Amino acid sequence: ACFRLLCWLLVPALLLSGILSVCVAVLLWAVRLWLRVRKEQQSPAGRAGQRPLLVAFFHPYCNAGGGGERVLWCAVRTLQKKYKNITCVVYTGDRDATEEDIVEGAFRRFNIKLTHPVKFVFLERRYLVEASLYPHFTLLGQSVGSVFLGWEALLKCVPDVYIDSMGYAFTLPLFKYLGGCRVGCYVHYPTISTDMLAVVRNQDTTFNNKAFITSSSLFSSFKLVYYYLFAFLYGLVGSCSDVVMVNSSWTLNHILSLWRAGACTSVVYPPCDVQAFLDIPLAEEKSTAERSIVSVSQFRPEKDHPLQIRAFAKSLREKRLRQQPSLKLILIGGCRNQQDEDRVNNLKQLCEELGVSNNVMFRINIPFEELKNHLAEATIGLHTMWNEHFGIGVVECMAAGTVILAHNSGGPKLDIVVPYEGRPTGFLAENEDSYAETMASILSMSPEKRLEIRENARQSVHRFSDQHFEETFLLSVEPLFK
């Protein structure tokens, strides 16, 4: 009787599941066919009867002016120079700017001149990927939102080649299986990493793992399960990519462990505007009554500016005891919104509490020439972010001729502040004490010794030039154009 009851329940369930599966498969096939027809209607053949190849970049914030945008415009320029019969498309949510404004901005900010026009597809629902829309389950919310934003992009323009250049991996299967595109991606930072899993597993308190979670075993266990499920989904959608490019060895290790797509994954260092900083004369230091330590990074929580201030205050106390020249810390960075401005005010309050307000200067959203001047006069370039995925600011400091002191993790440790032809290029530290000690050590060196390290660092940064990016980028994306 029990067996008959089980069969009575199971057989209809299996039959219904089979019917639903067939219906879903037919629906997906019909959508793909419909999108193919739309593609032919949107891009008719040219005069010679040959339709140009549409290469689309998914970059909702293409007018933001950061390192990711420099990668985007260098990639577009590189493809335009290499391939003649292509049209580059950029999906963007920057509806407050015109096409001319965006192209002009790329030239003004990055000195990147495009050889051919770019087609812009303006998206109306960029708010779906805003972190502020998802106060809880932010990773999942933004990822699901990116699918809806990607669907809007696909409806407006169906490309032949699709490249996600901003880290929205959940759009990859959408364009591959529904759009019928060859898909690639450039990963600046994995949406979730094994380090993030370790932080939650160890119940460590960080800016994205609040104290109320770490203090509760139940909350930590729940968040860990959520992270593992998300990591599984992230690996699933990432493995859809035909070509995967990552910006550093650190990112490579995480993507390989999550996506398991080693055969199509390669490191393509981001193009850094090193030449602009290499133009700064590298001469012996002038004797001066004041030395400066310069930090260049946006005022975001992960950059850990409080660590810089605390380490500087500790080093400053020690240097006063030794009657050394006066020391100044200059924090240079951009503020994106009110939250960043509030963060700067909190940092100023910390300076007052530590008694170093007169020795710390904040320079916010400054022009490029002023940035160069500060770096040209600085003795030390400071960077404190844990597990920085690459570190363009670190490269810029080294190219400008400062002695770099960065965090002993991520891109700086694995790719940038590494020996060049067996010679040191800078220093790494991990906590307040080691940063303070290394600062004091650098400042106590002879000018000749510092000059030697600065020269080594400058010679090493040619690996991160625009030309090197173009070569490795073209080599990586070649399978998409066969």
Protein backbone atom coordinates (compact mmCIF):
# COMPACT_ATOMS: atom_id res chain seq x y z
CA ALA A 1 0.00 0.00 0.00
CA CYS A 2 2.84 2.36 0.87
CA PHE A 3 4.61 1.54 -2.38
CA ARG A 4 1.44 2.22 -4.40
CA LEU A 5 0.95 5.51 -2.56
CA LEU A 6 4.55 6.50 -3.27
CA CYS A 7 4.16 5.67 -6.96
CA TRP A 8 0.85 7.55 -7.04
CA LEU A 9 2.63 10.67 -5.75
CA LEU A 10 5.98 10.25 -7.50
CA VAL A 11 4.89 9.47 -11.07
CA PRO A 12 2.75 12.62 -11.51
CA ALA A 13 5.52 14.71 -9.91
CA LEU A 14 8.11 13.33 -12.33
CA LEU A 15 5.74 13.80 -15.25
CA LEU A 16 5.00 17.39 -14.24
CA SER A 17 8.74 18.11 -13.79
CA GLY A 18 9.45 16.71 -17.25
CA ILE A 19 6.72 18.81 -18.85
CA LEU A 20 7.94 21.95 -17.10
CA SER A 21 11.52 21.26 -18.15
CA VAL A 22 10.47 20.87 -21.77
CA CYS A 23 8.41 24.06 -21.58
CA VAL A 24 11.34 26.01 -20.11
CA ALA A 25 13.70 24.63 -22.78
CA VAL A 26 11.27 25.56 -25.57
CA LEU A 27 10.77 29.01 -24.07
CA LEU A 28 14.52 29.66 -23.84
CA TRP A 29 14.99 28.44 -27.42
CA ALA A 30 12.18 30.74 -28.59
CA VAL A 31 13.70 33.73 -26.74
CA ARG A 32 17.11 33.04 -28.26
CA LEU A 33 15.59 32.79 -31.74
CA TRP A 34 13.65 36.02 -31.20
CA LEU A 35 16.83 37.82 -30.04
CA ARG A 36 18.67 36.56 -33.12
CA VAL A 37 15.99 38.09 -35.34
CA ARG A 38 16.23 41.38 -33.40
CA LYS A 39 20.00 41.30 -33.88
CA GLU A 40 19.61 41.07 -37.66
CA GLN A 41 17.12 43.94 -37.62
CA GLN A 42 19.32 46.15 -35.41
CA SER A 43 22.53 45.60 -37.39
CA PRO A 44 21.85 45.33 -41.12
CA ALA A 45 24.71 44.58 -43.49
CA GLY A 46 26.81 47.47 -44.78
CA ARG A 47 27.42 48.56 -48.36
CA ALA A 48 29.82 45.72 -49.06
CA GLY A 49 27.28 43.22 -47.76
CA GLN A 50 29.31 42.55 -44.64
CA ARG A 51 27.92 43.40 -41.23
CA PRO A 52 30.47 44.77 -38.74
CA LEU A 53 31.20 42.63 -35.69
CA LEU A 54 29.55 44.11 -32.61
CA VAL A 55 31.80 43.97 -29.53
CA ALA A 56 29.93 45.10 -26.41
CA PHE A 57 31.41 46.08 -23.04
CA PHE A 58 29.13 45.96 -19.99
CA HIS A 59 30.28 48.92 -17.90
CA PRO A 60 27.35 50.70 -16.19
CA TYR A 61 29.69 53.34 -14.68
CA CYS A 62 31.87 54.06 -17.70
CA ASN A 63 32.11 57.78 -16.90
CA ALA A 64 33.34 57.30 -13.31
CA GLY A 65 37.02 58.06 -13.98
CA GLY A 66 38.62 55.27 -11.91
CA GLY A 67 41.12 52.53 -12.68
CA GLY A 68 38.40 50.23 -14.02
CA GLU A 69 37.38 52.88 -16.54
CA ARG A 70 40.98 53.25 -17.68
CA VAL A 71 40.99 49.51 -18.41
CA LEU A 72 37.73 49.90 -20.39
CA TRP A 73 38.94 52.71 -22.65
CA CYS A 74 42.36 51.15 -23.21
CA ALA A 75 40.61 47.91 -24.19
CA VAL A 76 38.31 49.73 -26.63
CA ARG A 77 41.21 51.62 -28.19
CA THR A 78 43.26 48.42 -28.47
CA LEU A 79 40.48 46.56 -30.31
CA GLN A 80 39.87 49.50 -32.63
CA LYS A 81 43.54 49.54 -33.62
CA LYS A 82 43.72 45.78 -34.15
CA TYR A 83 40.40 44.93 -35.82
CA LYS A 84 39.03 47.05 -38.68
CA ASN A 85 35.54 45.61 -39.21
CA ILE A 86 34.23 45.95 -35.65
CA THR A 87 31.93 48.36 -33.84
CA CYS A 88 32.54 48.79 -30.12
CA VAL A 89 29.44 49.15 -27.96
CA VAL A 90 29.41 50.31 -24.33
CA TYR A 91 26.41 49.58 -22.11
CA THR A 92 26.28 52.41 -19.57
CA GLY A 93 23.93 53.89 -17.01
CA ASP A 94 25.51 57.35 -17.19
CA ARG A 95 22.41 59.02 -18.59
CA ASP A 96 23.45 62.39 -17.16
CA ALA A 97 26.25 62.62 -19.76
CA THR A 98 26.22 62.75 -23.56
CA GLU A 99 28.24 60.44 -25.78
CA GLU A 100 30.60 63.33 -26.55
CA ASP A 101 31.04 64.08 -22.82
CA ILE A 102 32.00 60.48 -22.06
CA VAL A 103 34.54 60.25 -24.90
CA GLU A 104 35.97 63.65 -24.00
CA GLY A 105 36.19 62.54 -20.36
CA ALA A 106 38.22 59.48 -21.34
CA PHE A 107 40.66 61.74 -23.17
CA ARG A 108 40.81 64.37 -20.41
CA ARG A 109 41.25 61.93 -17.52
CA PHE A 110 43.33 59.20 -19.12
CA ASN A 111 44.80 60.77 -22.26
CA ILE A 112 43.12 58.01 -24.29
CA LYS A 113 42.13 59.05 -27.82
CA LEU A 114 39.79 56.60 -29.56
CA THR A 115 40.47 55.98 -33.24
CA HIS A 116 36.81 55.34 -34.19
CA PRO A 117 33.38 56.30 -32.82
CA VAL A 118 31.84 54.19 -30.06
CA LYS A 119 28.17 53.24 -29.88
CA PHE A 120 26.66 53.88 -26.43
CA VAL A 121 23.60 52.03 -25.17
CA PHE A 122 22.16 53.98 -22.24
CA LEU A 123 20.51 51.84 -19.55
CA GLU A 124 17.64 53.16 -17.45
CA ARG A 125 17.75 50.70 -14.55
CA ARG A 126 21.30 51.09 -13.22
CA TYR A 127 19.83 51.62 -9.75
CA LEU A 128 19.30 47.84 -9.66
CA VAL A 129 23.05 47.31 -9.06
CA GLU A 130 23.43 50.07 -6.46
CA ALA A 131 24.60 48.67 -3.11
CA SER A 132 22.40 51.18 -1.26
CA LEU A 133 19.32 49.38 -2.63
CA TYR A 134 20.25 46.23 -0.69
CA PRO A 135 21.10 46.99 2.97
CA HIS A 136 21.07 43.24 3.61
CA PHE A 137 22.18 40.36 1.35
CA THR A 138 23.98 42.97 -0.73
CA LEU A 139 26.03 40.53 -2.83
CA LEU A 140 22.96 38.54 -3.85
CA GLY A 141 20.83 41.64 -4.41
CA GLN A 142 23.36 43.34 -6.68
CA SER A 143 23.96 40.11 -8.60
CA VAL A 144 20.26 39.52 -9.25
CA GLY A 145 19.90 43.21 -10.13
CA SER A 146 22.72 42.88 -12.67
CA VAL A 147 20.77 40.12 -14.46
CA PHE A 148 17.77 42.44 -14.94
CA LEU A 149 20.10 45.26 -16.03
CA GLY A 150 21.83 42.85 -18.42
CA TRP A 151 18.45 41.84 -19.87
CA GLU A 152 17.69 45.50 -20.57
CA ALA A 153 21.07 45.78 -22.32
CA LEU A 154 20.44 42.64 -24.37
CA LEU A 155 17.04 43.86 -25.52
CA LYS A 156 18.50 47.15 -26.70
CA CYS A 157 21.50 45.66 -28.51
CA VAL A 158 22.43 42.03 -29.19
CA PRO A 159 26.22 41.86 -29.77
CA ASP A 160 28.42 39.21 -31.33
CA VAL A 161 31.05 39.44 -28.59
CA TYR A 162 30.19 40.40 -25.01
CA ILE A 163 32.80 41.46 -22.45
CA ASP A 164 31.89 42.20 -18.84
CA SER A 165 34.51 44.74 -17.81
CA MET A 166 33.13 45.64 -14.38
CA GLY A 167 32.63 42.40 -12.48
CA TYR A 168 28.97 41.51 -13.12
CA ALA A 169 29.54 37.80 -13.69
CA PHE A 170 25.85 36.90 -13.42
CA THR A 171 25.28 38.55 -16.81
CA LEU A 172 27.59 36.07 -18.56
CA PRO A 173 25.13 33.13 -18.98
CA LEU A 174 22.43 35.59 -20.06
CA PHE A 175 24.47 36.82 -23.04
CA LYS A 176 25.95 33.42 -23.84
CA TYR A 177 22.87 31.21 -23.77
CA LEU A 178 20.10 33.65 -24.66
CA GLY A 179 22.04 36.17 -26.71
CA GLY A 180 24.14 33.53 -28.47
CA CYS A 181 27.29 35.63 -27.90
CA ARG A 182 30.90 34.70 -27.36
CA VAL A 183 31.54 36.02 -23.85
CA GLY A 184 34.59 37.21 -21.97
CA CYS A 185 35.25 39.16 -18.79
CA TYR A 186 37.89 41.25 -17.07
CA VAL A 187 37.82 40.63 -13.31
CA HIS A 188 39.14 43.47 -11.16
CA TYR A 189 38.01 41.90 -7.91
CA PRO A 190 36.10 38.67 -7.27
CA THR A 191 32.57 39.35 -6.00
CA ILE A 192 33.27 36.81 -3.28
CA SER A 193 36.65 35.33 -2.36
CA THR A 194 38.01 32.52 -0.23
CA ASP A 195 39.42 35.23 2.06
CA MET A 196 35.89 36.54 2.67
CA LEU A 197 34.79 33.01 3.56
CA ALA A 198 37.72 32.69 5.98
CA VAL A 199 36.84 36.01 7.68
CA VAL A 200 33.28 34.84 8.37
CA ARG A 201 34.40 31.34 9.36
CA ASN A 202 36.92 32.75 11.87
CA GLN A 203 34.38 35.33 13.12
CA ASP A 204 36.77 38.24 12.45
CA THR A 205 35.28 41.73 12.71
CA THR A 206 35.88 43.82 9.56
CA PHE A 207 34.13 46.62 7.67
CA ASN A 208 31.93 44.05 5.88
CA ASN A 209 31.55 41.60 8.79
CA LYS A 210 29.98 43.59 11.61
CA ALA A 211 30.53 42.97 15.31
CA PHE A 212 26.92 41.90 15.94
CA ILE A 213 27.51 39.01 13.50
CA THR A 214 30.93 37.96 14.80
CA SER A 215 29.65 37.97 18.39
CA SER A 216 26.94 35.43 17.54
CA SER A 217 27.71 31.86 16.48
CA LEU A 218 24.21 31.56 15.01
CA PHE A 219 24.53 34.66 12.84
CA SER A 220 28.04 33.68 11.77
CA SER A 221 26.91 30.18 10.79
CA PHE A 222 23.96 31.58 8.83
CA LYS A 223 26.21 34.07 7.00
CA LEU A 224 28.75 31.34 6.27
CA VAL A 225 26.08 29.13 4.66
CA TYR A 226 24.87 32.14 2.64
CA TYR A 227 28.43 32.88 1.49
CA TYR A 228 29.08 29.27 0.48
CA LEU A 229 25.85 29.10 -1.53
CA PHE A 230 26.66 32.41 -3.20
CA ALA A 231 30.22 31.25 -3.95
CA PHE A 232 28.79 28.13 -5.60
CA LEU A 233 26.48 30.24 -7.81
CA TYR A 234 29.30 32.67 -8.57
CA GLY A 235 31.52 29.81 -9.71
CA LEU A 236 28.71 28.42 -11.83
CA VAL A 237 28.05 31.64 -13.77
CA GLY A 238 31.75 32.50 -14.04
CA SER A 239 32.55 29.17 -15.64
CA CYS A 240 30.29 30.18 -18.57
CA SER A 241 32.92 32.63 -19.81
CA ASP A 242 34.91 31.72 -22.92
CA VAL A 243 37.75 34.08 -21.94
CA VAL A 244 38.63 35.20 -18.41
CA MET A 245 41.12 37.99 -17.73
CA VAL A 246 42.18 38.92 -14.19
CA ASN A 247 44.19 41.91 -13.03
CA SER A 248 46.66 40.23 -10.66
CA SER A 249 48.02 36.96 -9.32
CA TRP A 250 45.91 37.40 -6.17
CA THR A 251 42.71 37.68 -8.21
CA LEU A 252 43.86 34.76 -10.39
CA ASN A 253 44.19 32.44 -7.39
CA HIS A 254 40.67 33.21 -6.17
CA ILE A 255 39.05 32.98 -9.60
CA LEU A 256 40.74 29.66 -10.32
CA SER A 257 39.51 28.21 -7.03
CA LEU A 258 35.94 29.46 -7.57
CA TRP A 259 35.39 29.27 -11.33
CA ARG A 260 37.73 26.36 -12.14
CA ALA A 261 38.32 27.66 -15.67
CA GLY A 262 42.10 27.58 -15.78
CA ALA A 263 42.32 26.77 -19.49
CA CYS A 264 40.80 30.12 -20.51
CA THR A 265 42.07 32.33 -17.65
CA SER A 266 45.07 34.66 -17.83
CA VAL A 267 46.57 37.61 -15.95
CA VAL A 268 46.33 40.94 -17.79
CA TYR A 269 47.80 43.70 -15.65
CA PRO A 270 45.73 46.92 -15.79
CA PRO A 271 47.24 49.75 -17.84
CA CYS A 272 48.81 52.28 -15.49
CA ASP A 273 49.73 55.74 -16.72
CA VAL A 274 53.32 55.24 -15.56
CA GLN A 275 54.87 57.55 -18.13
CA ALA A 276 53.24 60.61 -16.60
CA PHE A 277 54.98 59.82 -13.31
CA LEU A 278 58.24 58.66 -14.86
CA ASP A 279 58.54 62.19 -16.24
CA ILE A 280 59.21 63.40 -12.68
CA PRO A 281 63.01 63.86 -12.40
CA LEU A 282 64.59 61.28 -10.11
CA ALA A 283 67.37 63.23 -8.42
CA GLU A 284 69.11 62.89 -5.09
CA GLU A 285 67.07 64.21 -2.20
CA LYS A 286 67.51 67.79 -1.18
CA SER A 287 68.34 68.51 2.44
CA THR A 288 65.11 69.80 3.94
CA ALA A 289 63.65 70.57 7.32
CA GLU A 290 60.51 68.62 6.47
CA ARG A 291 59.78 65.25 4.89
CA SER A 292 56.45 63.94 3.72
CA ILE A 293 54.68 60.60 3.53
CA VAL A 294 51.97 60.49 0.86
CA SER A 295 48.97 58.17 0.63
CA VAL A 296 46.96 58.01 -2.62
CA SER A 297 43.62 56.15 -2.46
CA GLN A 298 39.90 56.84 -2.36
CA PHE A 299 38.41 57.40 1.09
CA ARG A 300 36.71 54.03 1.25
CA PRO A 301 36.60 51.82 4.38
CA GLU A 302 38.69 49.00 2.89
CA LYS A 303 41.63 51.38 2.28
CA ASP A 304 42.13 51.49 6.09
CA HIS A 305 43.20 55.11 6.52
CA PRO A 306 42.94 54.80 10.34
CA LEU A 307 45.85 52.34 10.23
CA GLN A 308 47.92 54.91 8.34
CA ILE A 309 47.20 57.61 10.91
CA ARG A 310 47.86 55.38 13.93
CA ALA A 311 51.13 54.06 12.48
CA PHE A 312 52.19 57.57 11.53
CA ALA A 313 51.43 58.88 15.03
CA LYS A 314 53.53 56.12 16.54
CA SER A 315 56.40 56.76 14.13
CA LEU A 316 56.12 60.50 14.74
CA ARG A 317 56.52 60.06 18.49
CA GLU A 318 59.66 58.02 17.97
CA LYS A 319 61.14 60.50 15.50
CA ARG A 320 60.57 63.42 17.85
CA LEU A 321 62.60 61.60 20.46
CA ARG A 322 65.46 61.28 17.93
CA GLN A 323 65.39 64.95 16.91
CA GLN A 324 64.80 64.09 13.26
CA PRO A 325 63.40 66.58 10.67
CA SER A 326 59.67 67.23 11.02
CA LEU A 327 57.37 64.79 9.30
CA LYS A 328 54.04 65.29 7.50
CA LEU A 329 51.45 62.75 6.35
CA ILE A 330 49.47 63.83 3.26
CA LEU A 331 46.29 61.84 2.58
CA ILE A 332 45.23 62.29 -1.05
CA GLY A 333 42.02 60.76 -2.34
CA GLY A 334 38.61 61.15 -3.86
CA CYS A 335 35.23 61.46 -2.11
CA ARG A 336 32.39 59.88 -4.07
CA ASN A 337 29.50 60.79 -1.79
CA GLN A 338 28.42 62.02 1.65
CA GLN A 339 29.52 58.76 3.27
CA ASP A 340 33.08 59.33 2.07
CA GLU A 341 32.99 62.91 3.36
CA ASP A 342 31.78 61.69 6.76
CA ARG A 343 34.65 59.20 6.74
CA VAL A 344 37.14 62.02 6.17
CA ASN A 345 35.65 63.93 9.12
CA ASN A 346 36.06 60.85 11.32
CA LEU A 347 39.70 60.58 10.23
CA LYS A 348 40.27 64.22 11.17
CA GLN A 349 38.75 63.49 14.58
CA LEU A 350 41.15 60.56 14.98
CA CYS A 351 44.06 62.88 14.19
CA GLU A 352 42.93 65.21 16.97
CA GLU A 353 42.63 62.34 19.44
CA LEU A 354 46.17 61.19 18.62
CA GLY A 355 47.55 64.72 18.70
CA VAL A 356 48.82 64.73 15.11
CA SER A 357 46.38 67.17 13.46
CA ASN A 358 49.16 69.66 12.70
CA ASN A 359 51.16 66.95 10.93
CA VAL A 360 48.38 65.44 8.78
CA MET A 361 47.05 67.11 5.63
CA PHE A 362 43.95 66.03 3.70
CA ARG A 363 43.84 66.77 -0.04
CA ILE A 364 40.51 65.75 -1.59
CA ASN A 365 39.67 65.51 -5.31
CA ILE A 366 42.80 67.41 -6.32
CA PRO A 367 43.98 68.03 -9.91
CA PHE A 368 46.49 65.63 -11.45
CA GLU A 369 49.31 68.19 -11.51
CA GLU A 370 48.99 68.77 -7.78
CA LEU A 371 49.09 65.01 -7.21
CA LYS A 372 52.32 64.81 -9.19
CA ASN A 373 53.84 67.64 -7.16
CA HIS A 374 53.07 65.93 -3.86
CA LEU A 375 54.53 62.63 -5.08
CA ALA A 376 57.62 64.37 -6.47
CA GLU A 377 58.37 65.85 -3.04
CA ALA A 378 57.46 62.79 -0.92
CA THR A 379 59.95 60.43 0.67
CA ILE A 380 57.52 57.54 1.29
CA GLY A 381 54.43 56.36 -0.60
CA LEU A 382 51.98 54.69 1.81
CA HIS A 383 49.29 52.07 1.12
CA THR A 384 47.48 50.04 3.79
CA MET A 385 44.61 48.11 2.18
CA TRP A 386 44.52 44.44 3.13
CA ASN A 387 44.28 42.17 0.09
CA GLU A 388 44.26 44.98 -2.44
CA HIS A 389 43.39 43.17 -5.68
CA PHE A 390 46.04 45.07 -7.64
CA GLY A 391 47.08 48.54 -6.50
CA ILE A 392 47.34 51.19 -9.22
CA GLY A 393 48.16 53.76 -6.55
CA VAL A 394 51.14 51.63 -5.48
CA VAL A 395 52.45 51.54 -9.05
CA GLU A 396 52.01 55.30 -9.40
CA CYS A 397 53.95 55.97 -6.20
CA MET A 398 56.80 53.74 -7.38
CA ALA A 399 56.86 55.37 -10.82
CA ALA A 400 56.92 58.83 -9.22
CA GLY A 401 60.03 57.93 -7.26
CA THR A 402 58.78 57.48 -3.70
CA VAL A 403 59.91 54.59 -1.51
CA ILE A 404 56.74 52.51 -1.36
CA LEU A 405 55.43 50.96 1.87
CA ALA A 406 52.39 48.75 1.15
CA HIS A 407 50.42 45.99 2.83
CA ASN A 408 51.96 42.54 2.85
CA SER A 409 49.06 40.93 0.95
CA GLY A 410 47.21 40.89 -2.37
CA GLY A 411 48.57 42.47 -5.53
CA PRO A 412 51.33 44.55 -3.85
CA LYS A 413 52.83 41.42 -2.28
CA LEU A 414 52.47 39.07 -5.26
CA ASP A 415 52.94 41.33 -8.29
CA ILE A 416 54.13 44.87 -7.59
CA VAL A 417 56.49 45.29 -4.60
CA VAL A 418 58.61 42.32 -5.63
CA PRO A 419 62.36 42.18 -6.32
CA TYR A 420 63.38 43.43 -9.76
CA GLU A 421 66.36 41.50 -11.13
CA GLY A 422 67.08 40.47 -7.57
CA ARG A 423 67.05 44.01 -6.19
CA PRO A 424 64.48 45.46 -3.70
CA THR A 425 61.77 47.78 -5.01
CA GLY A 426 60.04 48.74 -1.76
CA PHE A 427 58.72 47.51 1.59
CA LEU A 428 55.73 45.63 2.99
CA ALA A 429 54.10 45.69 6.44
CA GLU A 430 51.04 44.19 8.13
CA ASN A 431 50.03 46.10 11.28
CA GLU A 432 50.49 49.34 13.19
CA ASP A 433 53.79 48.33 14.75
CA SER A 434 55.41 47.00 11.56
CA TYR A 435 54.26 50.06 9.58
CA ALA A 436 55.69 52.44 12.19
CA GLU A 437 58.96 50.52 12.39
CA THR A 438 59.36 50.39 8.61
CA MET A 439 58.58 54.10 8.25
CA ALA A 440 61.31 54.89 10.77
CA SER A 441 63.71 52.50 9.03
CA ILE A 442 63.14 54.11 5.61
CA LEU A 443 63.58 57.62 7.00
CA SER A 444 66.81 56.66 8.76
CA MET A 445 68.37 55.29 5.55
CA SER A 446 71.02 57.24 3.72
CA PRO A 447 69.73 59.23 0.70
CA GLU A 448 71.96 57.05 -1.52
CA LYS A 449 70.30 53.85 -0.30
CA ARG A 450 66.81 55.30 -0.80
CA LEU A 451 67.79 56.46 -4.31
CA GLU A 452 68.88 52.94 -5.19
CA ILE A 453 65.51 51.49 -4.14
CA ARG A 454 63.63 54.23 -6.00
CA GLU A 455 65.58 53.49 -9.19
CA ASN A 456 64.85 49.76 -8.91
CA ALA A 457 61.14 50.49 -8.43
CA ARG A 458 61.01 52.76 -11.45
CA GLN A 459 62.63 50.19 -13.70
CA SER A 460 60.15 47.53 -12.54
CA VAL A 461 56.92 49.43 -13.33
CA HIS A 462 57.31 49.17 -17.12
CA ARG A 463 55.48 45.83 -16.72
CA PHE A 464 52.33 47.83 -16.07
CA SER A 465 52.45 50.20 -19.05
CA ASP A 466 49.73 50.75 -21.67
CA GLN A 467 51.81 48.91 -24.28
CA HIS A 468 52.18 45.80 -22.13
CA PHE A 469 48.42 45.83 -21.44
CA GLU A 470 47.63 46.02 -25.16
CA GLU A 471 49.86 43.04 -25.95
CA THR A 472 48.49 40.76 -23.22
CA PHE A 473 44.87 41.88 -23.74
CA LEU A 474 44.94 41.07 -27.47
CA LEU A 475 46.53 37.71 -26.80
CA SER A 476 43.83 36.86 -24.25
CA VAL A 477 40.76 37.93 -26.28
CA GLU A 478 41.94 36.34 -29.54
CA PRO A 479 39.66 33.24 -29.07
CA LEU A 480 36.62 35.55 -29.10
CA PHE A 481 37.40 36.70 -32.66
CA LYS A 482 38.12 33.36 -34.31
